[in-house]
Structure formats: C-alpha cells, structure tokens
Amino acid sequence: MLVGIRDGKFFLGAFHCMDKQGNIILQDAVEYRSTRRSSTSPMEQRCLGLILIPSSCRSSCHVGCSIEEQLSLLKL
C-alpha cells in the first residue's frame, strides 16, 4: 500500500489494519520524501517499521499496485 500525506511525504508498506476513524497502520513501512522543493530532486528514503497514519493527514492511498507503478507514483 502506498499512502501520501499532506506535507508531500509518501509511505510504502504492507497494510496491517484500519480503525473506525480511518487511521491506517502499515507494517515494514518506508518513508519517501523529497530532499528539496524542486520536482527533479531525488527522493530520500527511511525505514520506519510499524507506523500509524492518521486519517486527517492522508491525501492519497493506492492499493494493489505493482512495485513499478508505486515507484512511478512517487515521482508525481
């Protein structure tokens, strides 16, 4: 599952669960963020493990994409 949040970061991980409020928990999550404001800058990644993403922060959510599709979505 690939989840985007409002500040421009993306989290890629295995879906674990979702609660009544719509918060998502990802396992083995990796955070991707741009190192600079320009769109051509490389993405920095950081391994996080188990994380909770509040529904109020979520801007996008993609499920069932191939790895190539997920990586292409990170470039948007």
PDB file of N, CA and C in Angstrom:
ATOM      1  N   MET A   1       0.848  -1.163   0.000  1.00  0.00           N
ATOM      2  CA  MET A   1       0.000   0.000   0.000  1.00  0.00           C
ATOM      3  C   MET A   1       0.896   1.229   0.000  1.00  0.00           C
ATOM      4  N   LEU A   2       0.534   2.211  -0.797  1.00  0.00           N
ATOM      5  CA  LEU A   2       1.247   3.484  -0.869  1.00  0.00           C
ATOM      6  C   LEU A   2       0.311   4.572  -0.366  1.00  0.00           C
ATOM      7  N   VAL A   3       0.722   5.298   0.687  1.00  0.00           N
ATOM      8  CA  VAL A   3      -0.109   6.335   1.297  1.00  0.00           C
ATOM      9  C   VAL A   3       0.642   7.665   1.246  1.00  0.00           C
ATOM     10  N   GLY A   4      -0.015   8.688   0.703  1.00  0.00           N
ATOM     11  CA  GLY A   4       0.556  10.024   0.677  1.00  0.00           C
ATOM     12  C   GLY A   4      -0.063  10.877   1.773  1.00  0.00           C
ATOM     13  N   ILE A   5       0.745  11.754   2.353  1.00  0.00           N
ATOM     14  CA  ILE A   5       0.215  12.668   3.360  1.00  0.00           C
ATOM     15  C   ILE A   5       0.365  14.103   2.884  1.00  0.00           C
ATOM     16  N   ARG A   6      -0.305  15.018   3.558  1.00  0.00           N
ATOM     17  CA  ARG A   6      -0.446  16.398   3.103  1.00  0.00           C
ATOM     18  C   ARG A   6       0.866  17.169   2.958  1.00  0.00           C
ATOM     19  N   ASP A   7       1.911  16.796   3.699  1.00  0.00           N
ATOM     20  CA  ASP A   7       3.162  17.545   3.592  1.00  0.00           C
ATOM     21  C   ASP A   7       4.062  17.044   2.463  1.00  0.00           C
ATOM     22  N   GLY A   8       3.559  16.131   1.631  1.00  0.00           N
ATOM     23  CA  GLY A   8       4.299  15.677   0.465  1.00  0.00           C
ATOM     24  C   GLY A   8       5.060  14.377   0.651  1.00  0.00           C
ATOM     25  N   LYS A   9       5.041  13.810   1.831  1.00  0.00           N
ATOM     26  CA  LYS A   9       5.717  12.538   2.072  1.00  0.00           C
ATOM     27  C   LYS A   9       4.825  11.385   1.635  1.00  0.00           C
ATOM     28  N   PHE A  10       5.458  10.244   1.321  1.00  0.00           N
ATOM     29  CA  PHE A  10       4.760   9.016   0.977  1.00  0.00           C
ATOM     30  C   PHE A  10       5.276   7.900   1.858  1.00  0.00           C
ATOM     31  N   PHE A  11       4.398   6.974   2.196  1.00  0.00           N
ATOM     32  CA  PHE A  11       4.765   5.801   2.981  1.00  0.00           C
ATOM     33  C   PHE A  11       4.362   4.562   2.199  1.00  0.00           C
ATOM     34  N   LEU A  12       5.302   3.658   2.034  1.00  0.00           N
ATOM     35  CA  LEU A  12       5.078   2.414   1.312  1.00  0.00           C
ATOM     36  C   LEU A  12       5.251   1.275   2.306  1.00  0.00           C
ATOM     37  N   GLY A  13       4.219   0.439   2.446  1.00  0.00           N
ATOM     38  CA  GLY A  13       4.302  -0.665   3.401  1.00  0.00           C
ATOM     39  C   GLY A  13       3.160  -1.640   3.220  1.00  0.00           C
ATOM     40  N   ALA A  14       3.188  -2.682   4.016  1.00  0.00           N
ATOM     41  CA  ALA A  14       2.135  -3.699   3.988  1.00  0.00           C
ATOM     42  C   ALA A  14       0.981  -3.243   4.875  1.00  0.00           C
ATOM     43  N   PHE A  15      -0.234  -3.258   4.333  1.00  0.00           N
ATOM     44  CA  PHE A  15      -1.412  -2.874   5.097  1.00  0.00           C
ATOM     45  C   PHE A  15      -1.594  -3.840   6.256  1.00  0.00           C
ATOM     46  N   HIS A  16      -1.759  -3.282   7.470  1.00  0.00           N
ATOM     47  CA  HIS A  16      -1.987  -4.112   8.651  1.00  0.00           C
ATOM     48  C   HIS A  16      -3.452  -4.017   9.085  1.00  0.00           C
ATOM     49  N   CYS A  17      -3.952  -2.788   9.266  1.00  0.00           N
ATOM     50  CA  CYS A  17      -5.356  -2.621   9.639  1.00  0.00           C
ATOM     51  C   CYS A  17      -5.766  -1.155   9.516  1.00  0.00           C
ATOM     52  N   MET A  18      -7.090  -0.953   9.643  1.00  0.00           N
ATOM     53  CA  MET A  18      -7.681   0.388   9.649  1.00  0.00           C
ATOM     54  C   MET A  18      -8.707   0.408  10.777  1.00  0.00           C
ATOM     55  N   ASP A  19      -8.719   1.490  11.576  1.00  0.00           N
ATOM     56  CA  ASP A  19      -9.679   1.568  12.676  1.00  0.00           C
ATOM     57  C   ASP A  19     -10.951   2.303  12.253  1.00  0.00           C
ATOM     58  N   LYS A  20     -11.888   2.473  13.179  1.00  0.00           N
ATOM     59  CA  LYS A  20     -13.173   3.117  12.882  1.00  0.00           C
ATOM     60  C   LYS A  20     -13.015   4.547  12.392  1.00  0.00           C
ATOM     61  N   GLN A  21     -11.975   5.229  12.850  1.00  0.00           N
ATOM     62  CA  GLN A  21     -11.751   6.624  12.459  1.00  0.00           C
ATOM     63  C   GLN A  21     -11.046   6.757  11.108  1.00  0.00           C
ATOM     64  N   GLY A  22     -10.615   5.658  10.529  1.00  0.00           N
ATOM     65  CA  GLY A  22      -9.956   5.682   9.223  1.00  0.00           C
ATOM     66  C   GLY A  22      -8.446   5.794   9.300  1.00  0.00           C
ATOM     67  N   ASN A  23      -7.870   5.679  10.494  1.00  0.00           N
ATOM     68  CA  ASN A  23      -6.417   5.678  10.636  1.00  0.00           C
ATOM     69  C   ASN A  23      -5.878   4.360  10.089  1.00  0.00           C
ATOM     70  N   ILE A  24      -4.756   4.425   9.386  1.00  0.00           N
ATOM     71  CA  ILE A  24      -4.169   3.242   8.758  1.00  0.00           C
ATOM     72  C   ILE A  24      -2.880   2.874   9.468  1.00  0.00           C
ATOM     73  N   ILE A  25      -2.695   1.569   9.700  1.00  0.00           N
ATOM     74  CA  ILE A  25      -1.428   1.067  10.239  1.00  0.00           C
ATOM     75  C   ILE A  25      -0.741   0.264   9.144  1.00  0.00           C
ATOM     76  N   LEU A  26       0.516   0.626   8.868  1.00  0.00           N
ATOM     77  CA  LEU A  26       1.340  -0.076   7.882  1.00  0.00           C
ATOM     78  C   LEU A  26       2.479  -0.798   8.583  1.00  0.00           C
ATOM     79  N   GLN A  27       2.786  -2.001   8.110  1.00  0.00           N
ATOM     80  CA  GLN A  27       3.929  -2.764   8.593  1.00  0.00           C
ATOM     81  C   GLN A  27       5.093  -2.587   7.633  1.00  0.00           C
ATOM     82  N   ASP A  28       6.309  -2.691   8.132  1.00  0.00           N
ATOM     83  CA  ASP A  28       7.520  -2.618   7.306  1.00  0.00           C
ATOM     84  C   ASP A  28       7.493  -1.384   6.404  1.00  0.00           C
ATOM     85  N   ALA A  29       7.081  -0.265   6.954  1.00  0.00           N
ATOM     86  CA  ALA A  29       6.903   0.960   6.173  1.00  0.00           C
ATOM     87  C   ALA A  29       8.236   1.645   5.873  1.00  0.00           C
ATOM     88  N   VAL A  30       8.276   2.248   4.697  1.00  0.00           N
ATOM     89  CA  VAL A  30       9.409   3.064   4.273  1.00  0.00           C
ATOM     90  C   VAL A  30       8.861   4.441   3.942  1.00  0.00           C
ATOM     91  N   GLU A  31       9.503   5.477   4.467  1.00  0.00           N
ATOM     92  CA  GLU A  31       9.098   6.858   4.198  1.00  0.00           C
ATOM     93  C   GLU A  31       9.902   7.381   3.019  1.00  0.00           C
ATOM     94  N   TYR A  32       9.227   8.028   2.075  1.00  0.00           N
ATOM     95  CA  TYR A  32       9.873   8.677   0.936  1.00  0.00           C
ATOM     96  C   TYR A  32       9.540  10.154   1.007  1.00  0.00           C
ATOM     97  N   ARG A  33      10.575  10.986   0.915  1.00  0.00           N
ATOM     98  CA  ARG A  33      10.346  12.433   0.902  1.00  0.00           C
ATOM     99  C   ARG A  33      11.359  13.097   0.005  1.00  0.00           C
ATOM    100  N   SER A  34      10.973  14.205  -0.555  1.00  0.00           N
ATOM    101  CA  SER A  34      11.850  14.965  -1.433  1.00  0.00           C
ATOM    102  C   SER A  34      12.868  15.714  -0.579  1.00  0.00           C
ATOM    103  N   THR A  35      14.115  15.704  -1.011  1.00  0.00           N
ATOM    104  CA  THR A  35      15.158  16.396  -0.259  1.00  0.00           C
ATOM    105  C   THR A  35      15.125  17.898  -0.511  1.00  0.00           C
ATOM    106  N   ARG A  36      14.524  18.299  -1.622  1.00  0.00           N
ATOM    107  CA  ARG A  36      14.397  19.718  -1.955  1.00  0.00           C
ATOM    108  C   ARG A  36      13.007  19.990  -2.492  1.00  0.00           C
ATOM    109  N   ARG A  37      12.682  21.257  -2.637  1.00  0.00           N
ATOM    110  CA  ARG A  37      11.355  21.651  -3.137  1.00  0.00           C
ATOM    111  C   ARG A  37      11.179  21.383  -4.631  1.00  0.00           C
ATOM    112  N   SER A  38      12.271  21.316  -5.422  1.00  0.00           N
ATOM    113  CA  SER A  38      12.129  21.131  -6.861  1.00  0.00           C
ATOM    114  C   SER A  38      11.663  19.711  -7.170  1.00  0.00           C
ATOM    115  N   SER A  39      10.902  19.575  -8.240  1.00  0.00           N
ATOM    116  CA  SER A  39      10.323  18.273  -8.587  1.00  0.00           C
ATOM    117  C   SER A  39      11.366  17.303  -9.127  1.00  0.00           C
ATOM    118  N   THR A  40      12.544  17.796  -9.548  1.00  0.00           N
ATOM    119  CA  THR A  40      13.563  16.922 -10.120  1.00  0.00           C
ATOM    120  C   THR A  40      14.526  16.379  -9.069  1.00  0.00           C
ATOM    121  N   SER A  41      14.390  16.806  -7.839  1.00  0.00           N
ATOM    122  CA  SER A  41      15.307  16.328  -6.797  1.00  0.00           C
ATOM    123  C   SER A  41      15.003  14.875  -6.443  1.00  0.00           C
ATOM    124  N   PRO A  42      16.034  14.111  -6.039  1.00  0.00           N
ATOM    125  CA  PRO A  42      15.809  12.702  -5.700  1.00  0.00           C
ATOM    126  C   PRO A  42      15.013  12.548  -4.408  1.00  0.00           C
ATOM    127  N   MET A  43      14.353  11.402  -4.292  1.00  0.00           N
ATOM    128  CA  MET A  43      13.590  11.102  -3.090  1.00  0.00           C
ATOM    129  C   MET A  43      14.523  10.468  -2.059  1.00  0.00           C
ATOM    130  N   GLU A  44      14.402  10.909  -0.831  1.00  0.00           N
ATOM    131  CA  GLU A  44      15.153  10.326   0.276  1.00  0.00           C
ATOM    132  C   GLU A  44      14.261   9.285   0.927  1.00  0.00           C
ATOM    133  N   GLN A  45      14.829   8.167   1.342  1.00  0.00           N
ATOM    134  CA  GLN A  45      14.013   7.135   1.969  1.00  0.00           C
ATOM    135  C   GLN A  45      14.553   6.782   3.344  1.00  0.00           C
ATOM    136  N   ARG A  46      13.632   6.344   4.215  1.00  0.00           N
ATOM    137  CA  ARG A  46      13.973   5.982   5.592  1.00  0.00           C
ATOM    138  C   ARG A  46      13.069   4.836   6.012  1.00  0.00           C
ATOM    139  N   CYS A  47      13.660   3.763   6.542  1.00  0.00           N
ATOM    140  CA  CYS A  47      12.886   2.612   7.021  1.00  0.00           C
ATOM    141  C   CYS A  47      12.303   2.931   8.390  1.00  0.00           C
ATOM    142  N   LEU A  48      10.993   2.691   8.568  1.00  0.00           N
ATOM    143  CA  LEU A  48      10.314   3.041   9.806  1.00  0.00           C
ATOM    144  C   LEU A  48       9.763   1.844  10.560  1.00  0.00           C
ATOM    145  N   GLY A  49       9.341   0.803   9.880  1.00  0.00           N
ATOM    146  CA  GLY A  49       8.730  -0.342  10.560  1.00  0.00           C
ATOM    147  C   GLY A  49       7.219  -0.191  10.636  1.00  0.00           C
ATOM    148  N   LEU A  50       6.658  -0.311  11.842  1.00  0.00           N
ATOM    149  CA  LEU A  50       5.210  -0.230  12.065  1.00  0.00           C
ATOM    150  C   LEU A  50       4.821   1.219  12.344  1.00  0.00           C
ATOM    151  N   ILE A  51       3.917   1.779  11.529  1.00  0.00           N
ATOM    152  CA  ILE A  51       3.510   3.181  11.710  1.00  0.00           C
ATOM    153  C   ILE A  51       1.997   3.325  11.629  1.00  0.00           C
ATOM    154  N   LEU A  52       1.494   4.374  12.257  1.00  0.00           N
ATOM    155  CA  LEU A  52       0.085   4.747  12.180  1.00  0.00           C
ATOM    156  C   LEU A  52      -0.006   6.058  11.418  1.00  0.00           C
ATOM    157  N   ILE A  53      -0.862   6.090  10.397  1.00  0.00           N
ATOM    158  CA  ILE A  53      -1.087   7.313   9.611  1.00  0.00           C
ATOM    159  C   ILE A  53      -2.489   7.804   9.911  1.00  0.00           C
ATOM    160  N   PRO A  54      -2.612   8.953  10.584  1.00  0.00           N
ATOM    161  CA  PRO A  54      -3.937   9.479  10.910  1.00  0.00           C
ATOM    162  C   PRO A  54      -4.718   9.832   9.649  1.00  0.00           C
ATOM    163  N   SER A  55      -6.013   9.605   9.673  1.00  0.00           N
ATOM    164  CA  SER A  55      -6.852   9.898   8.506  1.00  0.00           C
ATOM    165  C   SER A  55      -6.841  11.385   8.170  1.00  0.00           C
ATOM    166  N   SER A  56      -6.657  12.240   9.166  1.00  0.00           N
ATOM    167  CA  SER A  56      -6.649  13.686   8.926  1.00  0.00           C
ATOM    168  C   SER A  56      -5.428  14.139   8.130  1.00  0.00           C
ATOM    169  N   CYS A  57      -4.364  13.336   8.115  1.00  0.00           N
ATOM    170  CA  CYS A  57      -3.133  13.680   7.395  1.00  0.00           C
ATOM    171  C   CYS A  57      -3.077  13.092   5.994  1.00  0.00           C
ATOM    172  N   ARG A  58      -3.888  12.088   5.726  1.00  0.00           N
ATOM    173  CA  ARG A  58      -3.808  11.331   4.477  1.00  0.00           C
ATOM    174  C   ARG A  58      -4.335  12.146   3.298  1.00  0.00           C
ATOM    175  N   SER A  59      -3.562  12.166   2.200  1.00  0.00           N
ATOM    176  CA  SER A  59      -4.019  12.852   0.990  1.00  0.00           C
ATOM    177  C   SER A  59      -4.276  11.891  -0.161  1.00  0.00           C
ATOM    178  N   SER A  60      -3.634  10.717  -0.157  1.00  0.00           N
ATOM    179  CA  SER A  60      -3.863   9.725  -1.205  1.00  0.00           C
ATOM    180  C   SER A  60      -3.574   8.335  -0.666  1.00  0.00           C
ATOM    181  N   CYS A  61      -4.142   7.343  -1.347  1.00  0.00           N
ATOM    182  CA  CYS A  61      -3.969   5.964  -0.916  1.00  0.00           C
ATOM    183  C   CYS A  61      -4.100   5.071  -2.148  1.00  0.00           C
ATOM    184  N   HIS A  62      -3.085   4.249  -2.402  1.00  0.00           N
ATOM    185  CA  HIS A  62      -3.099   3.352  -3.556  1.00  0.00           C
ATOM    186  C   HIS A  62      -2.853   1.934  -3.072  1.00  0.00           C
ATOM    187  N   VAL A  63      -3.708   1.020  -3.525  1.00  0.00           N
ATOM    188  CA  VAL A  63      -3.631  -0.376  -3.090  1.00  0.00           C
ATOM    189  C   VAL A  63      -3.531  -1.269  -4.311  1.00  0.00           C
ATOM    190  N   GLY A  64      -2.733  -2.312  -4.193  1.00  0.00           N
ATOM    191  CA  GLY A  64      -2.672  -3.322  -5.242  1.00  0.00           C
ATOM    192  C   GLY A  64      -1.882  -2.919  -6.465  1.00  0.00           C
ATOM    193  N   CYS A  65      -1.004  -1.948  -6.358  1.00  0.00           N
ATOM    194  CA  CYS A  65      -0.158  -1.542  -7.472  1.00  0.00           C
ATOM    195  C   CYS A  65       1.087  -2.421  -7.510  1.00  0.00           C
ATOM    196  N   SER A  66       1.659  -2.570  -8.697  1.00  0.00           N
ATOM    197  CA  SER A  66       2.942  -3.257  -8.792  1.00  0.00           C
ATOM    198  C   SER A  66       4.031  -2.324  -8.246  1.00  0.00           C
ATOM    199  N   ILE A  67       5.198  -2.866  -7.986  1.00  0.00           N
ATOM    200  CA  ILE A  67       6.306  -2.053  -7.472  1.00  0.00           C
ATOM    201  C   ILE A  67       6.645  -0.934  -8.452  1.00  0.00           C
ATOM    202  N   GLU A  68       6.640  -1.222  -9.758  1.00  0.00           N
ATOM    203  CA  GLU A  68       6.944  -0.200 -10.759  1.00  0.00           C
ATOM    204  C   GLU A  68       5.914   0.932 -10.724  1.00  0.00           C
ATOM    205  N   GLU A  69       4.614   0.577 -10.588  1.00  0.00           N
ATOM    206  CA  GLU A  69       3.573   1.591 -10.507  1.00  0.00           C
ATOM    207  C   GLU A  69       3.726   2.432  -9.249  1.00  0.00           C
ATOM    208  N   GLN A  70       4.051   1.799  -8.118  1.00  0.00           N
ATOM    209  CA  GLN A  70       4.229   2.513  -6.869  1.00  0.00           C
ATOM    210  C   GLN A  70       5.384   3.496  -6.959  1.00  0.00           C
ATOM    211  N   LEU A  71       6.496   3.080  -7.566  1.00  0.00           N
ATOM    212  CA  LEU A  71       7.648   3.965  -7.705  1.00  0.00           C
ATOM    213  C   LEU A  71       7.353   5.106  -8.675  1.00  0.00           C
ATOM    214  N   SER A  72       6.556   4.859  -9.715  1.00  0.00           N
ATOM    215  CA  SER A  72       6.201   5.938 -10.633  1.00  0.00           C
ATOM    216  C   SER A  72       5.284   6.953  -9.945  1.00  0.00           C
ATOM    217  N   LEU A  73       4.424   6.505  -9.014  1.00  0.00           N
ATOM    218  CA  LEU A  73       3.569   7.419  -8.274  1.00  0.00           C
ATOM    219  C   LEU A  73       4.391   8.312  -7.353  1.00  0.00           C
ATOM    220  N   LEU A  74       5.518   7.820  -6.870  1.00  0.00           N
ATOM    221  CA  LEU A  74       6.391   8.633  -6.013  1.00  0.00           C
ATOM    222  C   LEU A  74       6.985   9.814  -6.766  1.00  0.00           C
ATOM    223  N   LYS A  75       7.106   9.684  -8.092  1.00  0.00           N
ATOM    224  CA  LYS A  75       7.707  10.745  -8.898  1.00  0.00           C
ATOM    225  C   LYS A  75       6.741  11.889  -9.175  1.00  0.00           C
ATOM    226  N   LEU A  76       5.456  11.702  -8.892  1.00  0.00           N
ATOM    227  CA  LEU A  76       4.447  12.744  -9.154  1.00  0.00           C
ATOM    228  C   LEU A  76       4.632  13.944  -8.274  1.00  0.00           C
TER     229      LEU A  76
END
